[in-house]
Amino acid sequence: MGKQMFSDLLRAVVLGILLALACFAAAFLCGLALRHNAASGLEAAKNALCLLAALMLFLLSGALLSRGKNPAAFDAESNGWRRRFRVLGPKAVLFCMAVCFIAFAALADALLRAAG
């Protein structure tokens, strides 16, 4: 069980990192295209990642509040969830992804502070 938990956590973190990188790149390029400045690209990426992380945490809080109210709403076996994550549920994976988004936003903020 411990090895499967570690494998699932690693898989969730890698998924979070990949999604955070994709969102970071898209927001950075949009900010760079609009202002023609790398600092504004980093600012746009930081703001977008913070907003997306806040939305993920908002969804997570709603999911935690509605725990046990409708157990048939998410059928893990029918959509192949258990093929990808054997131990972790969708709430834990969403939390790992939100943490990765916050980490990349902090990295963008650190780059902004070091540059300016």
PDB file of N, CA and C in Angstrom:
ATOM      1  N   MET A   1       0.819  -1.199   0.000  1.00  0.00           N
ATOM      2  CA  MET A   1       0.000   0.000   0.000  1.00  0.00           C
ATOM      3  C   MET A   1       0.861   1.261   0.000  1.00  0.00           C
ATOM      4  N   GLY A   2       1.978   1.240   0.751  1.00  0.00           N
ATOM      5  CA  GLY A   2       2.849   2.405   0.815  1.00  0.00           C
ATOM      6  C   GLY A   2       3.514   2.704  -0.525  1.00  0.00           C
ATOM      7  N   LYS A   3       3.899   1.659  -1.222  1.00  0.00           N
ATOM      8  CA  LYS A   3       4.541   1.850  -2.520  1.00  0.00           C
ATOM      9  C   LYS A   3       3.539   2.385  -3.550  1.00  0.00           C
ATOM     10  N   GLN A   4       2.306   1.887  -3.482  1.00  0.00           N
ATOM     11  CA  GLN A   4       1.269   2.396  -4.395  1.00  0.00           C
ATOM     12  C   GLN A   4       0.907   3.839  -4.072  1.00  0.00           C
ATOM     13  N   MET A   5       0.899   4.182  -2.784  1.00  0.00           N
ATOM     14  CA  MET A   5       0.604   5.561  -2.380  1.00  0.00           C
ATOM     15  C   MET A   5       1.686   6.502  -2.896  1.00  0.00           C
ATOM     16  N   PHE A   6       2.950   6.114  -2.743  1.00  0.00           N
ATOM     17  CA  PHE A   6       4.044   6.927  -3.239  1.00  0.00           C
ATOM     18  C   PHE A   6       3.975   7.071  -4.757  1.00  0.00           C
ATOM     19  N   SER A   7       3.656   5.984  -5.438  1.00  0.00           N
ATOM     20  CA  SER A   7       3.527   6.024  -6.891  1.00  0.00           C
ATOM     21  C   SER A   7       2.389   6.950  -7.327  1.00  0.00           C
ATOM     22  N   ASP A   8       1.266   6.888  -6.628  1.00  0.00           N
ATOM     23  CA  ASP A   8       0.139   7.763  -6.957  1.00  0.00           C
ATOM     24  C   ASP A   8       0.461   9.219  -6.671  1.00  0.00           C
ATOM     25  N   LEU A   9       1.126   9.488  -5.535  1.00  0.00           N
ATOM     26  CA  LEU A   9       1.509  10.871  -5.218  1.00  0.00           C
ATOM     27  C   LEU A   9       2.474  11.419  -6.258  1.00  0.00           C
ATOM     28  N   LEU A  10       3.436  10.600  -6.659  1.00  0.00           N
ATOM     29  CA  LEU A  10       4.387  11.022  -7.683  1.00  0.00           C
ATOM     30  C   LEU A  10       3.674  11.297  -9.001  1.00  0.00           C
ATOM     31  N   ARG A  11       2.736  10.446  -9.361  1.00  0.00           N
ATOM     32  CA  ARG A  11       1.978  10.628 -10.592  1.00  0.00           C
ATOM     33  C   ARG A  11       1.120  11.900 -10.527  1.00  0.00           C
ATOM     34  N   ALA A  12       0.517  12.186  -9.364  1.00  0.00           N
ATOM     35  CA  ALA A  12      -0.298  13.384  -9.207  1.00  0.00           C
ATOM     36  C   ALA A  12       0.560  14.647  -9.260  1.00  0.00           C
ATOM     37  N   VAL A  13       1.741  14.598  -8.665  1.00  0.00           N
ATOM     38  CA  VAL A  13       2.637  15.756  -8.699  1.00  0.00           C
ATOM     39  C   VAL A  13       3.152  15.999 -10.114  1.00  0.00           C
ATOM     40  N   VAL A  14       3.488  14.949 -10.815  1.00  0.00           N
ATOM     41  CA  VAL A  14       3.952  15.103 -12.206  1.00  0.00           C
ATOM     42  C   VAL A  14       2.830  15.687 -13.072  1.00  0.00           C
ATOM     43  N   LEU A  15       1.613  15.223 -12.867  1.00  0.00           N
ATOM     44  CA  LEU A  15       0.475  15.782 -13.594  1.00  0.00           C
ATOM     45  C   LEU A  15       0.301  17.257 -13.265  1.00  0.00           C
ATOM     46  N   GLY A  16       0.426  17.606 -11.993  1.00  0.00           N
ATOM     47  CA  GLY A  16       0.323  19.003 -11.584  1.00  0.00           C
ATOM     48  C   GLY A  16       1.420  19.864 -12.182  1.00  0.00           C
ATOM     49  N   ILE A  17       2.632  19.341 -12.217  1.00  0.00           N
ATOM     50  CA  ILE A  17       3.752  20.091 -12.788  1.00  0.00           C
ATOM     51  C   ILE A  17       3.542  20.311 -14.283  1.00  0.00           C
ATOM     52  N   LEU A  18       3.103  19.286 -14.983  1.00  0.00           N
ATOM     53  CA  LEU A  18       2.887  19.431 -16.429  1.00  0.00           C
ATOM     54  C   LEU A  18       1.783  20.443 -16.730  1.00  0.00           C
ATOM     55  N   LEU A  19       0.688  20.373 -15.988  1.00  0.00           N
ATOM     56  CA  LEU A  19      -0.396  21.332 -16.206  1.00  0.00           C
ATOM     57  C   LEU A  19       0.024  22.741 -15.819  1.00  0.00           C
ATOM     58  N   ALA A  20       0.773  22.876 -14.724  1.00  0.00           N
ATOM     59  CA  ALA A  20       1.244  24.193 -14.302  1.00  0.00           C
ATOM     60  C   ALA A  20       2.220  24.776 -15.326  1.00  0.00           C
ATOM     61  N   LEU A  21       3.083  23.935 -15.871  1.00  0.00           N
ATOM     62  CA  LEU A  21       4.013  24.413 -16.905  1.00  0.00           C
ATOM     63  C   LEU A  21       3.274  24.878 -18.157  1.00  0.00           C
ATOM     64  N   ALA A  22       2.264  24.123 -18.555  1.00  0.00           N
ATOM     65  CA  ALA A  22       1.502  24.505 -19.743  1.00  0.00           C
ATOM     66  C   ALA A  22       0.768  25.831 -19.522  1.00  0.00           C
ATOM     67  N   CYS A  23       0.143  25.976 -18.357  1.00  0.00           N
ATOM     68  CA  CYS A  23      -0.560  27.229 -18.057  1.00  0.00           C
ATOM     69  C   CYS A  23       0.421  28.380 -17.896  1.00  0.00           C
ATOM     70  N   PHE A  24       1.570  28.103 -17.281  1.00  0.00           N
ATOM     71  CA  PHE A  24       2.602  29.130 -17.137  1.00  0.00           C
ATOM     72  C   PHE A  24       3.070  29.623 -18.499  1.00  0.00           C
ATOM     73  N   ALA A  25       3.342  28.687 -19.396  1.00  0.00           N
ATOM     74  CA  ALA A  25       3.831  29.062 -20.725  1.00  0.00           C
ATOM     75  C   ALA A  25       2.776  29.852 -21.499  1.00  0.00           C
ATOM     76  N   ALA A  26       1.533  29.421 -21.431  1.00  0.00           N
ATOM     77  CA  ALA A  26       0.475  30.124 -22.155  1.00  0.00           C
ATOM     78  C   ALA A  26       0.272  31.533 -21.616  1.00  0.00           C
ATOM     79  N   ALA A  27       0.236  31.673 -20.301  1.00  0.00           N
ATOM     80  CA  ALA A  27       0.033  33.002 -19.714  1.00  0.00           C
ATOM     81  C   ALA A  27       1.250  33.888 -19.935  1.00  0.00           C
ATOM     82  N   PHE A  28       2.443  33.316 -19.855  1.00  0.00           N
ATOM     83  CA  PHE A  28       3.655  34.094 -20.095  1.00  0.00           C
ATOM     84  C   PHE A  28       3.692  34.618 -21.523  1.00  0.00           C
ATOM     85  N   LEU A  29       3.354  33.766 -22.474  1.00  0.00           N
ATOM     86  CA  LEU A  29       3.358  34.201 -23.871  1.00  0.00           C
ATOM     87  C   LEU A  29       2.295  35.253 -24.140  1.00  0.00           C
ATOM     88  N   CYS A  30       1.129  35.128 -23.497  1.00  0.00           N
ATOM     89  CA  CYS A  30       0.087  36.153 -23.655  1.00  0.00           C
ATOM     90  C   CYS A  30       0.547  37.486 -23.074  1.00  0.00           C
ATOM     91  N   GLY A  31       1.126  37.458 -21.892  1.00  0.00           N
ATOM     92  CA  GLY A  31       1.631  38.693 -21.284  1.00  0.00           C
ATOM     93  C   GLY A  31       2.774  39.289 -22.073  1.00  0.00           C
ATOM     94  N   LEU A  32       3.617  38.443 -22.623  1.00  0.00           N
ATOM     95  CA  LEU A  32       4.737  38.911 -23.437  1.00  0.00           C
ATOM     96  C   LEU A  32       4.235  39.524 -24.740  1.00  0.00           C
ATOM     97  N   ALA A  33       3.218  38.937 -25.327  1.00  0.00           N
ATOM     98  CA  ALA A  33       2.687  39.452 -26.594  1.00  0.00           C
ATOM     99  C   ALA A  33       1.953  40.769 -26.401  1.00  0.00           C
ATOM    100  N   LEU A  34       1.306  40.931 -25.265  1.00  0.00           N
ATOM    101  CA  LEU A  34       0.530  42.156 -25.048  1.00  0.00           C
ATOM    102  C   LEU A  34       1.394  43.348 -24.676  1.00  0.00           C
ATOM    103  N   ARG A  35       2.429  43.136 -23.877  1.00  0.00           N
ATOM    104  CA  ARG A  35       3.238  44.257 -23.392  1.00  0.00           C
ATOM    105  C   ARG A  35       4.661  44.283 -23.934  1.00  0.00           C
ATOM    106  N   HIS A  36       5.085  43.245 -24.630  1.00  0.00           N
ATOM    107  CA  HIS A  36       6.439  43.150 -25.198  1.00  0.00           C
ATOM    108  C   HIS A  36       7.502  43.311 -24.109  1.00  0.00           C
ATOM    109  N   ASN A  37       7.232  42.714 -22.932  1.00  0.00           N
ATOM    110  CA  ASN A  37       8.142  42.838 -21.814  1.00  0.00           C
ATOM    111  C   ASN A  37       8.117  41.520 -21.034  1.00  0.00           C
ATOM    112  N   ALA A  38       9.298  41.019 -20.689  1.00  0.00           N
ATOM    113  CA  ALA A  38       9.361  39.747 -19.968  1.00  0.00           C
ATOM    114  C   ALA A  38       8.786  39.872 -18.563  1.00  0.00           C
ATOM    115  N   ALA A  39       8.945  41.024 -17.941  1.00  0.00           N
ATOM    116  CA  ALA A  39       8.406  41.212 -16.590  1.00  0.00           C
ATOM    117  C   ALA A  39       6.879  41.150 -16.593  1.00  0.00           C
ATOM    118  N   SER A  40       6.263  41.725 -17.613  1.00  0.00           N
ATOM    119  CA  SER A  40       4.797  41.646 -17.674  1.00  0.00           C
ATOM    120  C   SER A  40       4.343  40.226 -18.015  1.00  0.00           C
ATOM    121  N   GLY A  41       5.141  39.493 -18.745  1.00  0.00           N
ATOM    122  CA  GLY A  41       4.832  38.088 -19.000  1.00  0.00           C
ATOM    123  C   GLY A  41       4.879  37.259 -17.726  1.00  0.00           C
ATOM    124  N   LEU A  42       5.900  37.512 -16.892  1.00  0.00           N
ATOM    125  CA  LEU A  42       5.983  36.821 -15.611  1.00  0.00           C
ATOM    126  C   LEU A  42       4.839  37.223 -14.686  1.00  0.00           C
ATOM    127  N   GLU A  43       4.474  38.489 -14.706  1.00  0.00           N
ATOM    128  CA  GLU A  43       3.354  38.958 -13.884  1.00  0.00           C
ATOM    129  C   GLU A  43       2.043  38.300 -14.327  1.00  0.00           C
ATOM    130  N   ALA A  44       1.839  38.207 -15.618  1.00  0.00           N
ATOM    131  CA  ALA A  44       0.623  37.565 -16.135  1.00  0.00           C
ATOM    132  C   ALA A  44       0.611  36.079 -15.781  1.00  0.00           C
ATOM    133  N   ALA A  45       1.752  35.420 -15.880  1.00  0.00           N
ATOM    134  CA  ALA A  45       1.831  33.999 -15.537  1.00  0.00           C
ATOM    135  C   ALA A  45       1.563  33.793 -14.049  1.00  0.00           C
ATOM    136  N   LYS A  46       2.140  34.648 -13.209  1.00  0.00           N
ATOM    137  CA  LYS A  46       1.913  34.536 -11.764  1.00  0.00           C
ATOM    138  C   LYS A  46       0.450  34.737 -11.420  1.00  0.00           C
ATOM    139  N   ASN A  47      -0.155  35.758 -12.010  1.00  0.00           N
ATOM    140  CA  ASN A  47      -1.571  36.028 -11.734  1.00  0.00           C
ATOM    141  C   ASN A  47      -2.471  34.897 -12.220  1.00  0.00           C
ATOM    142  N   ALA A  48      -2.189  34.363 -13.396  1.00  0.00           N
ATOM    143  CA  ALA A  48      -3.005  33.274 -13.932  1.00  0.00           C
ATOM    144  C   ALA A  48      -2.874  32.013 -13.088  1.00  0.00           C
ATOM    145  N   LEU A  49      -1.656  31.692 -12.663  1.00  0.00           N
ATOM    146  CA  LEU A  49      -1.463  30.495 -11.846  1.00  0.00           C
ATOM    147  C   LEU A  49      -2.114  30.639 -10.472  1.00  0.00           C
ATOM    148  N   CYS A  50      -2.037  31.840  -9.893  1.00  0.00           N
ATOM    149  CA  CYS A  50      -2.706  32.061  -8.600  1.00  0.00           C
ATOM    150  C   CYS A  50      -4.218  31.951  -8.751  1.00  0.00           C
ATOM    151  N   LEU A  51      -4.754  32.489  -9.819  1.00  0.00           N
ATOM    152  CA  LEU A  51      -6.189  32.406 -10.053  1.00  0.00           C
ATOM    153  C   LEU A  51      -6.630  30.956 -10.257  1.00  0.00           C
ATOM    154  N   LEU A  52      -5.901  30.212 -11.054  1.00  0.00           N
ATOM    155  CA  LEU A  52      -6.252  28.813 -11.288  1.00  0.00           C
ATOM    156  C   LEU A  52      -6.112  27.974 -10.016  1.00  0.00           C
ATOM    157  N   ALA A  53      -5.084  28.251  -9.214  1.00  0.00           N
ATOM    158  CA  ALA A  53      -4.926  27.522  -7.953  1.00  0.00           C
ATOM    159  C   ALA A  53      -6.067  27.842  -7.000  1.00  0.00           C
ATOM    160  N   ALA A  54      -6.488  29.103  -6.980  1.00  0.00           N
ATOM    161  CA  ALA A  54      -7.616  29.480  -6.121  1.00  0.00           C
ATOM    162  C   ALA A  54      -8.900  28.790  -6.578  1.00  0.00           C
ATOM    163  N   LEU A  55      -9.103  28.695  -7.874  1.00  0.00           N
ATOM    164  CA  LEU A  55     -10.283  27.995  -8.379  1.00  0.00           C
ATOM    165  C   LEU A  55     -10.237  26.504  -8.032  1.00  0.00           C
ATOM    166  N   MET A  56      -9.067  25.898  -8.136  1.00  0.00           N
ATOM    167  CA  MET A  56      -8.941  24.483  -7.767  1.00  0.00           C
ATOM    168  C   MET A  56      -9.239  24.274  -6.289  1.00  0.00           C
ATOM    169  N   LEU A  57      -8.713  25.161  -5.445  1.00  0.00           N
ATOM    170  CA  LEU A  57      -8.957  25.020  -4.017  1.00  0.00           C
ATOM    171  C   LEU A  57     -10.411  25.292  -3.667  1.00  0.00           C
ATOM    172  N   PHE A  58     -11.054  26.183  -4.414  1.00  0.00           N
ATOM    173  CA  PHE A  58     -12.480  26.429  -4.219  1.00  0.00           C
ATOM    174  C   PHE A  58     -13.295  25.185  -4.572  1.00  0.00           C
ATOM    175  N   LEU A  59     -12.957  24.551  -5.690  1.00  0.00           N
ATOM    176  CA  LEU A  59     -13.620  23.296  -6.059  1.00  0.00           C
ATOM    177  C   LEU A  59     -13.362  22.202  -5.030  1.00  0.00           C
ATOM    178  N   LEU A  60     -12.143  22.158  -4.523  1.00  0.00           N
ATOM    179  CA  LEU A  60     -11.808  21.165  -3.518  1.00  0.00           C
ATOM    180  C   LEU A  60     -12.597  21.386  -2.233  1.00  0.00           C
ATOM    181  N   SER A  61     -12.755  22.635  -1.837  1.00  0.00           N
ATOM    182  CA  SER A  61     -13.525  22.898  -0.617  1.00  0.00           C
ATOM    183  C   SER A  61     -14.988  22.507  -0.802  1.00  0.00           C
ATOM    184  N   GLY A  62     -15.537  22.758  -1.965  1.00  0.00           N
ATOM    185  CA  GLY A  62     -16.907  22.320  -2.233  1.00  0.00           C
ATOM    186  C   GLY A  62     -17.031  20.819  -2.236  1.00  0.00           C
ATOM    187  N   ALA A  63     -16.035  20.138  -2.769  1.00  0.00           N
ATOM    188  CA  ALA A  63     -16.063  18.675  -2.783  1.00  0.00           C
ATOM    189  C   ALA A  63     -15.936  18.111  -1.369  1.00  0.00           C
ATOM    190  N   LEU A  64     -15.134  18.755  -0.538  1.00  0.00           N
ATOM    191  CA  LEU A  64     -14.995  18.281   0.836  1.00  0.00           C
ATOM    192  C   LEU A  64     -16.253  18.536   1.652  1.00  0.00           C
ATOM    193  N   LEU A  65     -16.953  19.621   1.356  1.00  0.00           N
ATOM    194  CA  LEU A  65     -18.190  19.910   2.081  1.00  0.00           C
ATOM    195  C   LEU A  65     -19.316  18.961   1.702  1.00  0.00           C
ATOM    196  N   SER A  66     -19.311  18.500   0.458  1.00  0.00           N
ATOM    197  CA  SER A  66     -20.391  17.623   0.010  1.00  0.00           C
ATOM    198  C   SER A  66     -20.035  16.150   0.148  1.00  0.00           C
ATOM    199  N   ARG A  67     -19.088  15.840   0.977  1.00  0.00           N
ATOM    200  CA  ARG A  67     -18.624  14.463   1.158  1.00  0.00           C
ATOM    201  C   ARG A  67     -19.754  13.588   1.687  1.00  0.00           C
ATOM    202  N   GLY A  68     -20.001  12.500   1.004  1.00  0.00           N
ATOM    203  CA  GLY A  68     -20.972  11.530   1.446  1.00  0.00           C
ATOM    204  C   GLY A  68     -22.408  11.846   1.065  1.00  0.00           C
ATOM    205  N   LYS A  69     -22.648  12.976   0.449  1.00  0.00           N
ATOM    206  CA  LYS A  69     -24.015  13.353   0.102  1.00  0.00           C
ATOM    207  C   LYS A  69     -24.512  12.590  -1.128  1.00  0.00           C
ATOM    208  N   ASN A  70     -23.617  12.402  -2.115  1.00  0.00           N
ATOM    209  CA  ASN A  70     -23.996  11.727  -3.346  1.00  0.00           C
ATOM    210  C   ASN A  70     -22.839  10.835  -3.793  1.00  0.00           C
ATOM    211  N   PRO A  71     -22.724   9.653  -3.249  1.00  0.00           N
ATOM    212  CA  PRO A  71     -21.567   8.815  -3.574  1.00  0.00           C
ATOM    213  C   PRO A  71     -21.552   8.317  -5.018  1.00  0.00           C
ATOM    214  N   ALA A  72     -22.676   8.319  -5.700  1.00  0.00           N
ATOM    215  CA  ALA A  72     -22.708   7.827  -7.076  1.00  0.00           C
ATOM    216  C   ALA A  72     -22.329   8.908  -8.088  1.00  0.00           C
ATOM    217  N   ALA A  73     -22.006  10.105  -7.634  1.00  0.00           N
ATOM    218  CA  ALA A  73     -21.678  11.192  -8.559  1.00  0.00           C
ATOM    219  C   ALA A  73     -20.353  10.943  -9.272  1.00  0.00           C
ATOM    220  N   PHE A  74     -19.422  10.273  -8.603  1.00  0.00           N
ATOM    221  CA  PHE A  74     -18.126   9.992  -9.202  1.00  0.00           C
ATOM    222  C   PHE A  74     -17.879   8.496  -9.120  1.00  0.00           C
ATOM    223  N   ASP A  75     -18.095   7.829 -10.198  1.00  0.00           N
ATOM    224  CA  ASP A  75     -17.883   6.385 -10.242  1.00  0.00           C
ATOM    225  C   ASP A  75     -16.467   6.123 -10.733  1.00  0.00           C
ATOM    226  N   ALA A  76     -15.572   5.780  -9.819  1.00  0.00           N
ATOM    227  CA  ALA A  76     -14.154   5.643 -10.139  1.00  0.00           C
ATOM    228  C   ALA A  76     -13.883   4.494 -11.099  1.00  0.00           C
ATOM    229  N   GLU A  77     -14.673   3.472 -11.059  1.00  0.00           N
ATOM    230  CA  GLU A  77     -14.396   2.309 -11.895  1.00  0.00           C
ATOM    231  C   GLU A  77     -14.864   2.508 -13.332  1.00  0.00           C
ATOM    232  N   SER A  78     -15.907   3.301 -13.533  1.00  0.00           N
ATOM    233  CA  SER A  78     -16.456   3.418 -14.879  1.00  0.00           C
ATOM    234  C   SER A  78     -15.618   4.300 -15.793  1.00  0.00           C
ATOM    235  N   ASN A  79     -14.890   5.263 -15.245  1.00  0.00           N
ATOM    236  CA  ASN A  79     -14.119   6.155 -16.118  1.00  0.00           C
ATOM    237  C   ASN A  79     -12.621   5.842 -16.129  1.00  0.00           C
ATOM    238  N   GLY A  80     -12.213   4.757 -15.505  1.00  0.00           N
ATOM    239  CA  GLY A  80     -10.817   4.364 -15.562  1.00  0.00           C
ATOM    240  C   GLY A  80      -9.923   5.075 -14.573  1.00  0.00           C
ATOM    241  N   TRP A  81     -10.500   5.704 -13.557  1.00  0.00           N
ATOM    242  CA  TRP A  81      -9.700   6.428 -12.574  1.00  0.00           C
ATOM    243  C   TRP A  81      -8.737   5.482 -11.869  1.00  0.00           C
ATOM    244  N   ARG A  82      -9.199   4.316 -11.501  1.00  0.00           N
ATOM    245  CA  ARG A  82      -8.373   3.368 -10.750  1.00  0.00           C
ATOM    246  C   ARG A  82      -7.247   2.771 -11.596  1.00  0.00           C
ATOM    247  N   ARG A  83      -7.313   2.901 -12.908  1.00  0.00           N
ATOM    248  CA  ARG A  83      -6.183   2.475 -13.732  1.00  0.00           C
ATOM    249  C   ARG A  83      -5.026   3.452 -13.584  1.00  0.00           C
ATOM    250  N   ARG A  84      -5.323   4.722 -13.352  1.00  0.00           N
ATOM    251  CA  ARG A  84      -4.284   5.739 -13.232  1.00  0.00           C
ATOM    252  C   ARG A  84      -3.846   5.951 -11.787  1.00  0.00           C
ATOM    253  N   PHE A  85      -4.799   5.974 -10.873  1.00  0.00           N
ATOM    254  CA  PHE A  85      -4.517   6.198  -9.459  1.00  0.00           C
ATOM    255  C   PHE A  85      -5.160   5.084  -8.651  1.00  0.00           C
ATOM    256  N   ARG A  86      -4.330   4.243  -8.051  1.00  0.00           N
ATOM    257  CA  ARG A  86      -4.854   3.076  -7.342  1.00  0.00           C
ATOM    258  C   ARG A  86      -5.328   3.423  -5.933  1.00  0.00           C
ATOM    259  N   VAL A  87      -4.669   4.381  -5.285  1.00  0.00           N
ATOM    260  CA  VAL A  87      -4.977   4.694  -3.895  1.00  0.00           C
ATOM    261  C   VAL A  87      -5.641   6.067  -3.763  1.00  0.00           C
ATOM    262  N   LEU A  88      -5.100   7.056  -4.458  1.00  0.00           N
ATOM    263  CA  LEU A  88      -5.585   8.428  -4.309  1.00  0.00           C
ATOM    264  C   LEU A  88      -6.927   8.632  -5.002  1.00  0.00           C
ATOM    265  N   GLY A  89      -7.719   9.470  -4.402  1.00  0.00           N
ATOM    266  CA  GLY A  89      -8.985   9.862  -4.996  1.00  0.00           C
ATOM    267  C   GLY A  89      -8.844  11.187  -5.729  1.00  0.00           C
ATOM    268  N   PRO A  90      -9.907  11.659  -6.335  1.00  0.00           N
ATOM    269  CA  PRO A  90      -9.838  12.902  -7.102  1.00  0.00           C
ATOM    270  C   PRO A  90      -9.557  14.133  -6.240  1.00  0.00           C
ATOM    271  N   LYS A  91      -9.968  14.123  -4.985  1.00  0.00           N
ATOM    272  CA  LYS A  91      -9.728  15.276  -4.119  1.00  0.00           C
ATOM    273  C   LYS A  91      -8.242  15.422  -3.808  1.00  0.00           C
ATOM    274  N   ALA A  92      -7.575  14.324  -3.542  1.00  0.00           N
ATOM    275  CA  ALA A  92      -6.147  14.372  -3.255  1.00  0.00           C
ATOM    276  C   ALA A  92      -5.348  14.790  -4.488  1.00  0.00           C
ATOM    277  N   VAL A  93      -5.752  14.319  -5.648  1.00  0.00           N
ATOM    278  CA  VAL A  93      -5.059  14.687  -6.879  1.00  0.00           C
ATOM    279  C   VAL A  93      -5.269  16.177  -7.176  1.00  0.00           C
ATOM    280  N   LEU A  94      -6.475  16.676  -6.961  1.00  0.00           N
ATOM    281  CA  LEU A  94      -6.750  18.098  -7.161  1.00  0.00           C
ATOM    282  C   LEU A  94      -5.930  18.949  -6.203  1.00  0.00           C
ATOM    283  N   PHE A  95      -5.774  18.495  -4.974  1.00  0.00           N
ATOM    284  CA  PHE A  95      -4.952  19.224  -4.009  1.00  0.00           C
ATOM    285  C   PHE A  95      -3.490  19.244  -4.451  1.00  0.00           C
ATOM    286  N   CYS A  96      -2.958  18.124  -4.916  1.00  0.00           N
ATOM    287  CA  CYS A  96      -1.568  18.078  -5.394  1.00  0.00           C
ATOM    288  C   CYS A  96      -1.364  19.015  -6.580  1.00  0.00           C
ATOM    289  N   MET A  97      -2.342  19.054  -7.468  1.00  0.00           N
ATOM    290  CA  MET A  97      -2.239  19.949  -8.618  1.00  0.00           C
ATOM    291  C   MET A  97      -2.264  21.410  -8.173  1.00  0.00           C
ATOM    292  N   ALA A  98      -3.116  21.752  -7.217  1.00  0.00           N
ATOM    293  CA  ALA A  98      -3.188  23.133  -6.723  1.00  0.00           C
ATOM    294  C   ALA A  98      -1.871  23.541  -6.061  1.00  0.00           C
ATOM    295  N   VAL A  99      -1.254  22.618  -5.328  1.00  0.00           N
ATOM    296  CA  VAL A  99       0.033  22.910  -4.697  1.00  0.00           C
ATOM    297  C   VAL A  99       1.106  23.168  -5.758  1.00  0.00           C
ATOM    298  N   CYS A 100       1.088  22.411  -6.830  1.00  0.00           N
ATOM    299  CA  CYS A 100       2.048  22.632  -7.920  1.00  0.00           C
ATOM    300  C   CYS A 100       1.826  23.988  -8.577  1.00  0.00           C
ATOM    301  N   PHE A 101       0.574  24.370  -8.769  1.00  0.00           N
ATOM    302  CA  PHE A 101       0.273  25.675  -9.353  1.00  0.00           C
ATOM    303  C   PHE A 101       0.779  26.793  -8.443  1.00  0.00           C
ATOM    304  N   ILE A 102       0.587  26.643  -7.135  1.00  0.00           N
ATOM    305  CA  ILE A 102       1.059  27.659  -6.186  1.00  0.00           C
ATOM    306  C   ILE A 102       2.581  27.722  -6.190  1.00  0.00           C
ATOM    307  N   ALA A 103       3.238  26.578  -6.301  1.00  0.00           N
ATOM    308  CA  ALA A 103       4.699  26.557  -6.337  1.00  0.00           C
ATOM    309  C   ALA A 103       5.234  27.277  -7.579  1.00  0.00           C
ATOM    310  N   PHE A 104       4.596  27.077  -8.722  1.00  0.00           N
ATOM    311  CA  PHE A 104       5.041  27.771  -9.926  1.00  0.00           C
ATOM    312  C   PHE A 104       4.734  29.265  -9.862  1.00  0.00           C
ATOM    313  N   ALA A 105       3.634  29.637  -9.219  1.00  0.00           N
ATOM    314  CA  ALA A 105       3.333  31.057  -9.030  1.00  0.00           C
ATOM    315  C   ALA A 105       4.369  31.698  -8.114  1.00  0.00           C
ATOM    316  N   ALA A 106       4.790  30.989  -7.080  1.00  0.00           N
ATOM    317  CA  ALA A 106       5.833  31.497  -6.190  1.00  0.00           C
ATOM    318  C   ALA A 106       7.161  31.622  -6.924  1.00  0.00           C
ATOM    319  N   LEU A 107       7.439  30.679  -7.814  1.00  0.00           N
ATOM    320  CA  LEU A 107       8.656  30.759  -8.617  1.00  0.00           C
ATOM    321  C   LEU A 107       8.631  31.984  -9.535  1.00  0.00           C
ATOM    322  N   ALA A 108       7.500  32.241 -10.148  1.00  0.00           N
ATOM    323  CA  ALA A 108       7.371  33.427 -11.006  1.00  0.00           C
ATOM    324  C   ALA A 108       7.522  34.701 -10.184  1.00  0.00           C
ATOM    325  N   ASP A 109       6.969  34.719  -8.982  1.00  0.00           N
ATOM    326  CA  ASP A 109       7.099  35.887  -8.119  1.00  0.00           C
ATOM    327  C   ASP A 109       8.550  36.094  -7.695  1.00  0.00           C
ATOM    328  N   ALA A 110       9.251  35.009  -7.398  1.00  0.00           N
ATOM    329  CA  ALA A 110      10.668  35.117  -7.042  1.00  0.00           C
ATOM    330  C   ALA A 110      11.495  35.637  -8.212  1.00  0.00           C
ATOM    331  N   LEU A 111      11.175  35.192  -9.419  1.00  0.00           N
ATOM    332  CA  LEU A 111      11.873  35.706 -10.598  1.00  0.00           C
ATOM    333  C   LEU A 111      11.594  37.189 -10.812  1.00  0.00           C
ATOM    334  N   LEU A 112      10.356  37.607 -10.562  1.00  0.00           N
ATOM    335  CA  LEU A 112      10.007  39.025 -10.684  1.00  0.00           C
ATOM    336  C   LEU A 112      10.764  39.867  -9.674  1.00  0.00           C
ATOM    337  N   ARG A 113      10.857  39.389  -8.450  1.00  0.00           N
ATOM    338  CA  ARG A 113      11.551  40.141  -7.401  1.00  0.00           C
ATOM    339  C   ARG A 113      13.055  40.193  -7.666  1.00  0.00           C
ATOM    340  N   ALA A 114      13.617  39.134  -8.211  1.00  0.00           N
ATOM    341  CA  ALA A 114      15.060  39.122  -8.496  1.00  0.00           C
ATOM    342  C   ALA A 114      15.395  40.025  -9.687  1.00  0.00           C
ATOM    343  N   ALA A 115      14.474  40.130 -10.641  1.00  0.00           N
ATOM    344  CA  ALA A 115      14.746  40.932 -11.837  1.00  0.00           C
ATOM    345  C   ALA A 115      14.532  42.419 -11.595  1.00  0.00           C
ATOM    346  N   GLY A 116      13.663  42.747 -10.675  1.00  0.00           N
ATOM    347  CA  GLY A 116      13.306  44.161 -10.587  1.00  0.00           C
ATOM    348  C   GLY A 116      13.496  44.748  -9.272  1.00  0.00           C
TER     349      GLY A 116
END
